[in-house]
Every structure is written in structure tokens, then in C-alpha cells.
Amino acid sequence: MRMLMFGDDFIVPLLIFSVPIVAIVGGITAGIVKTISRHRLMELAQRERIAAIERGVDPSKLPPPPDFGGPGDREEFGLFQYNPLRRAQGLMIGGLVTLAVGVSLAIFLQYVSDERGVWAVGLIPGSIGIALLLSAALVWPRGGNSAPPSAPMR
């Protein structure tokens, strides 16, 4: 028994458009969750300072309030400063994952499909992965210390 009564002509467009729709909804949801989380951290930091002041702690002896950065700042809650090594590592990880997806997809399609040359679809994510690895090699910091001395690594 078939799951959909509309036939095979209906399922192909549904599958084609479901991936971008899920990606867009997921991106919007991630942005909303990030904004709510940032607001919650700011609120908790302010409550903690207010509670300390109410208990009689001298405000000058309290550590400075955390710098949560503005909407255009690159720093995330004042925890991270720009670190070229972190950027290069992110590109390298993305490149390795995308290259692995491309190779896996090519191998999978080679064994599953009866059509000749279908495995070449795996070349698309594979070549993107190679490009990310090359860009990681290009932006990798050269020289001694790659991080500024005040930048904490997490």
C-alpha cells in the first residue's frame, strides 16, 4: 500500500523543496534561540550584580560587568576575540566533513544506482570540501603565536 495517494509526480517536488524549507526554518529558529540565550545571559549577569550590591558588597570591588558586545560586534559575550587559528580550524573541519560527505555519496550512488555515471553527483560536495581545505591552508596563521595574548581559547 502506498503512503501517498497522489502518485509519484507529487513526491518528487515535495522532496526537492523540503530540504531548503527545513534549512530556512532551522536557520531562523537558530537565530531566535541565540537571541533569547544572549538576553537570558545578560539578565542573569545583571541580577547577580544587583544581588551582590543588595547584600552590601561595594560595587567598586565587584568585577566589571561582562561585555556582551553589540549587534555588530564580532565578539560573542566578550568571551572570544578574533583568533585566526580558530577561523582556519573551522574551515578545515568544514572541509573535511564536506569532503567525506562527497566521497561517501559517490560510493553510495555507485553501488545503489543502475545508471552509469551517477556517482559523479558526489563530486559536487567533494569539490566544495577540497575548496574549504585549500582556503583553510591559505588563512592558516604563519609564524609563532597565532592567538593574541589576551584571547582565551575555548
Protein backbone atom coordinates (compact mmCIF):
# COMPACT_ATOMS: atom_id res chain seq x y z
CA MET A 1 0.00 0.00 0.00
CA ARG A 2 1.34 3.45 -0.91
CA MET A 3 1.81 6.15 1.67
CA LEU A 4 0.73 8.99 -0.64
CA MET A 5 -2.30 8.74 -2.86
CA PHE A 6 -1.18 11.49 -5.24
CA GLY A 7 1.25 9.35 -7.20
CA ASP A 8 4.94 9.61 -7.97
CA ASP A 9 4.57 13.02 -9.61
CA PHE A 10 3.72 14.62 -6.28
CA ILE A 11 6.56 13.20 -4.18
CA VAL A 12 9.49 14.50 -6.26
CA PRO A 13 8.71 18.23 -5.89
CA LEU A 14 7.88 17.64 -2.24
CA LEU A 15 11.30 16.13 -1.61
CA ILE A 16 13.11 18.76 -3.68
CA PHE A 17 11.63 21.70 -1.80
CA SER A 18 11.64 20.14 1.67
CA VAL A 19 15.41 20.48 2.14
CA PRO A 20 15.59 24.27 1.57
CA ILE A 21 12.44 24.82 3.60
CA VAL A 22 13.86 22.86 6.55
CA ALA A 23 17.18 24.76 6.22
CA ILE A 24 15.48 28.16 6.22
CA VAL A 25 13.22 27.30 9.16
CA GLY A 26 16.20 25.85 11.05
CA GLY A 27 18.28 28.98 10.43
CA ILE A 28 15.54 31.27 11.63
CA THR A 29 14.98 29.08 14.69
CA ALA A 30 18.72 29.08 15.49
CA GLY A 31 18.78 32.88 15.30
CA ILE A 32 15.82 33.19 17.64
CA VAL A 33 17.34 30.74 20.13
CA LYS A 34 20.67 32.61 20.03
CA THR A 35 18.96 35.94 20.68
CA ILE A 36 16.93 34.53 23.58
CA SER A 37 20.03 32.88 25.06
CA ARG A 38 22.03 36.11 24.83
CA HIS A 39 19.23 38.05 26.52
CA ARG A 40 18.99 35.44 29.29
CA LEU A 41 22.74 35.59 29.98
CA MET A 42 22.62 39.39 30.16
CA GLU A 43 19.68 39.23 32.54
CA LEU A 44 21.38 36.69 34.81
CA ALA A 45 24.59 38.75 34.95
CA GLN A 46 22.64 41.86 35.89
CA ARG A 47 20.66 40.02 38.58
CA GLU A 48 23.87 38.65 40.05
CA ARG A 49 25.38 42.15 40.30
CA ILE A 50 22.20 43.58 41.82
CA ALA A 51 22.05 40.77 44.40
CA ALA A 52 25.69 41.38 45.40
CA ILE A 53 25.07 45.12 45.77
CA GLU A 54 21.92 44.47 47.84
CA ARG A 55 23.95 42.26 50.19
CA GLY A 56 26.31 45.15 50.86
CA VAL A 57 29.19 44.40 48.53
CA ASP A 58 30.94 47.56 47.42
CA PRO A 59 30.27 47.98 43.66
CA SER A 60 33.87 49.10 43.09
CA LYS A 61 35.09 45.73 44.43
CA LEU A 62 32.89 43.76 42.03
CA PRO A 63 34.42 42.60 38.79
CA PRO A 64 33.43 44.71 35.82
CA PRO A 65 30.16 43.77 34.18
CA PRO A 66 30.64 41.34 31.31
CA ASP A 67 30.92 42.84 27.86
CA PHE A 68 28.15 41.24 25.84
CA GLY A 69 29.01 43.16 22.72
CA GLY A 70 26.62 44.91 20.43
CA PRO A 71 24.78 43.53 17.45
CA GLY A 72 27.64 44.40 15.08
CA ASP A 73 30.48 43.17 17.27
CA ARG A 74 32.42 40.07 16.35
CA GLU A 75 32.88 39.11 19.99
CA GLU A 76 30.39 36.70 21.47
CA PHE A 77 29.58 37.72 25.05
CA GLY A 78 33.11 39.10 25.42
CA LEU A 79 34.48 35.54 25.65
CA PHE A 80 36.14 35.32 22.27
CA GLN A 81 38.34 37.73 20.45
CA TYR A 82 39.28 37.38 16.82
CA ASN A 83 41.55 34.39 16.50
CA PRO A 84 42.90 33.46 13.05
CA LEU A 85 43.71 29.92 14.19
CA ARG A 86 40.07 29.38 15.20
CA ARG A 87 38.93 30.58 11.77
CA ALA A 88 41.35 28.27 9.95
CA GLN A 89 40.36 25.30 12.10
CA GLY A 90 36.68 25.95 11.37
CA LEU A 91 37.37 25.96 7.63
CA MET A 92 39.41 22.78 7.94
CA ILE A 93 36.70 20.95 9.89
CA GLY A 94 34.03 22.07 7.42
CA GLY A 95 36.22 20.97 4.52
CA LEU A 96 36.88 17.55 5.97
CA VAL A 97 33.20 16.95 6.71
CA THR A 98 32.07 18.13 3.28
CA LEU A 99 34.76 16.10 1.50
CA ALA A 100 33.73 13.00 3.47
CA VAL A 101 30.08 13.58 2.50
CA GLY A 102 31.05 13.88 -1.17
CA VAL A 103 33.16 10.71 -1.17
CA SER A 104 30.50 8.78 0.75
CA LEU A 105 27.77 9.98 -1.59
CA ALA A 106 29.79 8.98 -4.65
CA ILE A 107 30.47 5.49 -3.26
CA PHE A 108 26.84 5.06 -2.19
CA LEU A 109 25.47 6.08 -5.58
CA GLN A 110 27.97 3.87 -7.40
CA TYR A 111 26.64 0.78 -5.65
CA VAL A 112 22.96 1.69 -5.41
CA SER A 113 22.18 3.11 -8.85
CA ASP A 114 21.92 1.11 -12.04
CA GLU A 115 22.64 4.14 -14.20
CA ARG A 116 26.15 4.81 -15.36
CA GLY A 117 27.97 7.88 -14.02
CA VAL A 118 25.51 8.72 -11.25
CA TRP A 119 28.38 8.58 -8.72
CA ALA A 120 29.61 11.90 -10.15
CA VAL A 121 26.98 13.70 -8.06
CA GLY A 122 29.36 13.16 -5.14
CA LEU A 123 31.92 15.35 -6.89
CA ILE A 124 29.89 18.47 -6.03
CA PRO A 125 30.21 18.29 -2.22
CA GLY A 126 33.66 16.71 -2.61
CA SER A 127 34.96 19.67 -4.59
CA ILE A 128 33.43 22.10 -2.09
CA GLY A 129 35.25 20.21 0.67
CA ILE A 130 38.55 20.46 -1.21
CA ALA A 131 37.97 24.20 -1.71
CA LEU A 132 37.35 24.63 2.04
CA LEU A 133 40.53 22.71 2.84
CA LEU A 134 42.51 24.90 0.45
CA SER A 135 41.06 28.05 1.99
CA ALA A 136 41.97 26.73 5.45
CA ALA A 137 45.55 26.27 4.26
CA LEU A 138 45.57 29.81 2.85
CA VAL A 139 44.30 31.52 6.01
CA TRP A 140 46.27 29.33 8.44
CA PRO A 141 48.35 31.69 10.61
CA ARG A 142 52.06 31.71 9.86
CA GLY A 143 54.72 32.34 12.45
CA GLY A 144 54.89 31.87 16.20
CA ASN A 145 51.91 32.72 18.35
CA SER A 146 48.68 32.61 16.38
CA ALA A 147 46.40 33.95 19.09
CA PRO A 148 46.55 37.34 20.76
CA PRO A 149 47.82 37.04 24.34
CA SER A 150 44.51 38.21 25.84
CA ALA A 151 42.33 35.85 23.78
CA PRO A 152 41.12 32.89 25.81
CA MET A 153 40.91 29.64 23.87
CA ARG A 154 37.72 27.63 24.26
